[in-house]
Amino acid sequence: MNKRLLLPVALGIAIAGSAIATPPPATSADAQGRAARAPLDSNGDGYIDRSEAAARPMLLQRFEQIDANHDDKLGRDELRQARADARKDHMHKRMQQREEKFAAADTDHDGNLSLSEFEASKTANAEQRFQALDQNQDGKLSREELDARGARMRHHRDHDDAQPHQR
């Protein structure tokens, strides 16, 4: 190979290699947490004190509950735990509501929903939805079949949440 050509090719490979090896900008949970707290953390100390929390009345209302170590400021771990607890509470309430709806629709109390019970529950496109949910095609919806649908929806939601949002 021509020596004049070898040097530019070697430089090109080195530059391309360093570009590939360079990690993308940090998008860690810590960086996201700092960004989420930034509007409230007016003094830049990495914590949210009561005066800063006053900008969000709901946060101020729950300040004592969130401040697990009682140091009168909210740190990253305390806020992360508060968000996890809120998600857990929300999921528990949704499961309760789903169980209540199922029990109300199950008028013969056999632990399954027949097509007529499903239709009576005022579900739009009831027959098509019923057929899609009735995985074993026995003409009844069990709690397991409905739970499986919920699990599929959560999986798709979590997968969608993990993807970067494009505008």
Protein backbone atom coordinates (compact mmCIF):
# COMPACT_ATOMS: atom_id res chain seq x y z
CA MET A 1 0.00 0.00 0.00
CA ASN A 2 1.18 3.51 -0.68
CA LYS A 3 2.75 5.08 2.46
CA ARG A 4 1.02 8.41 1.76
CA LEU A 5 -2.35 6.65 1.90
CA LEU A 6 -1.52 4.58 4.99
CA LEU A 7 -1.26 7.53 7.40
CA PRO A 8 -4.70 9.06 6.58
CA VAL A 9 -6.33 5.62 6.71
CA ALA A 10 -4.74 4.89 10.12
CA LEU A 11 -5.85 8.30 11.44
CA GLY A 12 -9.36 7.71 10.12
CA ILE A 13 -9.54 4.32 11.86
CA ALA A 14 -8.25 5.82 15.12
CA ILE A 15 -10.78 8.66 15.01
CA ALA A 16 -13.67 6.33 14.16
CA GLY A 17 -12.59 3.94 16.91
CA SER A 18 -12.54 6.69 19.51
CA ALA A 19 -15.98 7.86 18.40
CA ILE A 20 -17.37 4.36 18.77
CA ALA A 21 -15.68 3.86 22.15
CA THR A 22 -16.95 7.19 23.50
CA PRO A 23 -19.95 6.50 25.74
CA PRO A 24 -23.17 8.42 25.15
CA PRO A 25 -23.99 11.32 27.45
CA ALA A 26 -24.96 10.27 30.97
CA THR A 27 -28.63 9.42 31.35
CA SER A 28 -28.33 7.63 34.65
CA ALA A 29 -31.07 7.65 37.25
CA ASP A 30 -28.92 9.99 39.34
CA ALA A 31 -28.64 12.52 36.50
CA GLN A 32 -32.37 12.28 35.83
CA GLY A 33 -33.10 12.67 39.53
CA ARG A 34 -30.93 15.77 39.74
CA ALA A 35 -32.69 17.21 36.70
CA ALA A 36 -36.10 16.49 38.24
CA ARG A 37 -35.09 18.16 41.51
CA ALA A 38 -33.34 21.10 39.88
CA PRO A 39 -36.40 23.38 39.66
CA LEU A 40 -37.05 22.89 43.37
CA ASP A 41 -33.43 22.82 44.57
CA SER A 42 -33.00 26.57 44.34
CA ASN A 43 -29.80 26.70 46.43
CA GLY A 44 -28.15 23.86 44.48
CA ASP A 45 -27.18 21.77 47.49
CA GLY A 46 -28.68 18.56 46.09
CA TYR A 47 -31.49 18.48 48.66
CA ILE A 48 -34.97 19.96 48.91
CA ASP A 49 -35.68 21.72 52.18
CA ARG A 50 -39.08 22.86 53.44
CA SER A 51 -38.84 26.33 51.92
CA GLU A 52 -38.01 24.82 48.51
CA ALA A 53 -40.76 22.19 48.85
CA ALA A 54 -43.28 25.01 49.40
CA ALA A 55 -43.24 25.53 45.63
CA ARG A 56 -45.17 22.23 45.37
CA PRO A 57 -47.94 22.10 47.98
CA MET A 58 -48.45 18.33 47.61
CA LEU A 59 -44.76 17.74 48.30
CA LEU A 60 -44.84 20.07 51.29
CA GLN A 61 -47.93 18.29 52.61
CA ARG A 62 -46.09 14.93 52.51
CA PHE A 63 -42.69 16.32 53.58
CA GLU A 64 -42.68 14.64 57.03
CA GLN A 65 -43.70 11.31 55.53
CA ILE A 66 -41.00 11.44 52.83
CA ASP A 67 -38.21 12.69 55.13
CA ALA A 68 -37.30 9.21 56.38
CA ASN A 69 -34.16 10.26 58.30
CA HIS A 70 -35.83 13.37 59.78
CA ASP A 71 -33.01 15.70 58.77
CA ASP A 72 -35.48 18.34 57.52
CA LYS A 73 -34.40 17.93 53.90
CA LEU A 74 -35.30 15.50 51.13
CA GLY A 75 -32.49 13.69 49.39
CA ARG A 76 -32.36 11.62 46.23
CA ASP A 77 -32.98 8.30 48.01
CA GLU A 78 -35.95 9.63 49.97
CA LEU A 79 -37.58 11.04 46.83
CA ARG A 80 -36.89 7.83 44.90
CA GLN A 81 -38.51 5.79 47.69
CA ALA A 82 -41.51 8.15 47.79
CA ARG A 83 -42.03 7.67 44.04
CA ALA A 84 -41.75 3.88 44.40
CA ASP A 85 -44.25 3.90 47.27
CA ALA A 86 -46.65 6.06 45.25
CA ARG A 87 -46.43 3.66 42.28
CA LYS A 88 -47.03 0.70 44.60
CA ASP A 89 -50.07 2.39 46.18
CA HIS A 90 -51.43 3.27 42.74
CA MET A 91 -51.06 -0.32 41.51
CA HIS A 92 -52.73 -1.64 44.66
CA LYS A 93 -55.70 0.69 44.15
CA ARG A 94 -56.00 -0.31 40.49
CA MET A 95 -55.97 -3.99 41.42
CA GLN A 96 -58.68 -3.37 44.02
CA GLN A 97 -60.80 -1.51 41.47
CA ARG A 98 -60.35 -4.30 38.93
CA GLU A 99 -61.35 -6.89 41.54
CA GLU A 100 -64.42 -4.85 42.49
CA LYS A 101 -65.44 -4.50 38.83
CA PHE A 102 -64.95 -8.23 38.29
CA ALA A 103 -67.01 -9.10 41.37
CA ALA A 104 -69.81 -6.73 40.31
CA ALA A 105 -69.91 -8.19 36.79
CA ASP A 106 -69.78 -11.82 38.01
CA THR A 107 -73.49 -11.91 38.86
CA ASP A 108 -73.66 -15.69 39.30
CA HIS A 109 -70.59 -15.62 41.58
CA ASP A 110 -68.86 -18.54 39.86
CA GLY A 111 -65.49 -16.74 39.67
CA ASN A 112 -65.76 -16.32 35.88
CA LEU A 113 -67.43 -13.90 33.50
CA SER A 114 -69.73 -15.32 30.84
CA LEU A 115 -70.27 -13.41 27.62
CA SER A 116 -73.64 -12.16 28.88
CA GLU A 117 -72.07 -10.95 32.15
CA PHE A 118 -69.29 -9.30 30.18
CA GLU A 119 -71.74 -7.59 27.82
CA ALA A 120 -73.87 -6.47 30.75
CA SER A 121 -70.84 -4.71 32.23
CA LYS A 122 -71.27 -2.09 29.43
CA THR A 123 -67.97 -2.82 27.73
CA ALA A 124 -67.63 -1.33 24.23
CA ASN A 125 -67.11 -3.95 21.52
CA ALA A 126 -67.82 -6.55 24.17
CA GLU A 127 -67.95 -9.61 21.94
CA GLN A 128 -64.65 -8.96 20.16
CA ARG A 129 -62.89 -8.03 23.38
CA PHE A 130 -64.35 -11.06 25.15
CA GLN A 131 -63.07 -13.41 22.42
CA ALA A 132 -59.63 -11.83 22.57
CA LEU A 133 -59.46 -12.17 26.35
CA ASP A 134 -60.87 -15.71 26.50
CA GLN A 135 -57.53 -17.42 25.88
CA ASN A 136 -58.80 -20.99 26.32
CA GLN A 137 -62.00 -20.25 24.36
CA ASP A 138 -64.24 -21.83 27.02
CA GLY A 139 -66.80 -19.04 26.84
CA LYS A 140 -65.75 -17.68 30.27
CA LEU A 141 -63.21 -15.17 31.50
CA SER A 142 -61.27 -16.23 34.53
CA ARG A 143 -59.34 -13.90 36.79
CA GLU A 144 -56.16 -15.48 35.41
CA GLU A 145 -57.09 -14.54 31.85
CA LEU A 146 -57.78 -10.96 32.90
CA ASP A 147 -54.59 -10.86 34.98
CA ALA A 148 -52.62 -12.10 31.96
CA ARG A 149 -54.05 -9.22 29.92
CA GLY A 150 -53.01 -6.79 32.66
CA ALA A 151 -49.50 -8.25 32.67
CA ARG A 152 -49.26 -7.87 28.88
CA MET A 153 -50.41 -4.25 29.12
CA ARG A 154 -47.88 -3.50 31.88
CA HIS A 155 -45.11 -5.12 29.82
CA HIS A 156 -45.97 -2.99 26.77
CA ARG A 157 -46.26 0.15 28.91
CA ASP A 158 -42.91 -0.51 30.60
CA HIS A 159 -41.30 -1.26 27.24
CA ASP A 160 -42.74 1.95 25.78
CA ASP A 161 -41.56 3.92 28.83
CA ALA A 162 -38.02 2.59 28.35
CA GLN A 163 -37.88 3.88 24.77
CA PRO A 164 -36.80 7.49 24.23
CA HIS A 165 -39.75 9.70 23.39
CA GLN A 166 -39.56 11.40 20.03
CA ARG A 167 -41.40 14.54 19.10
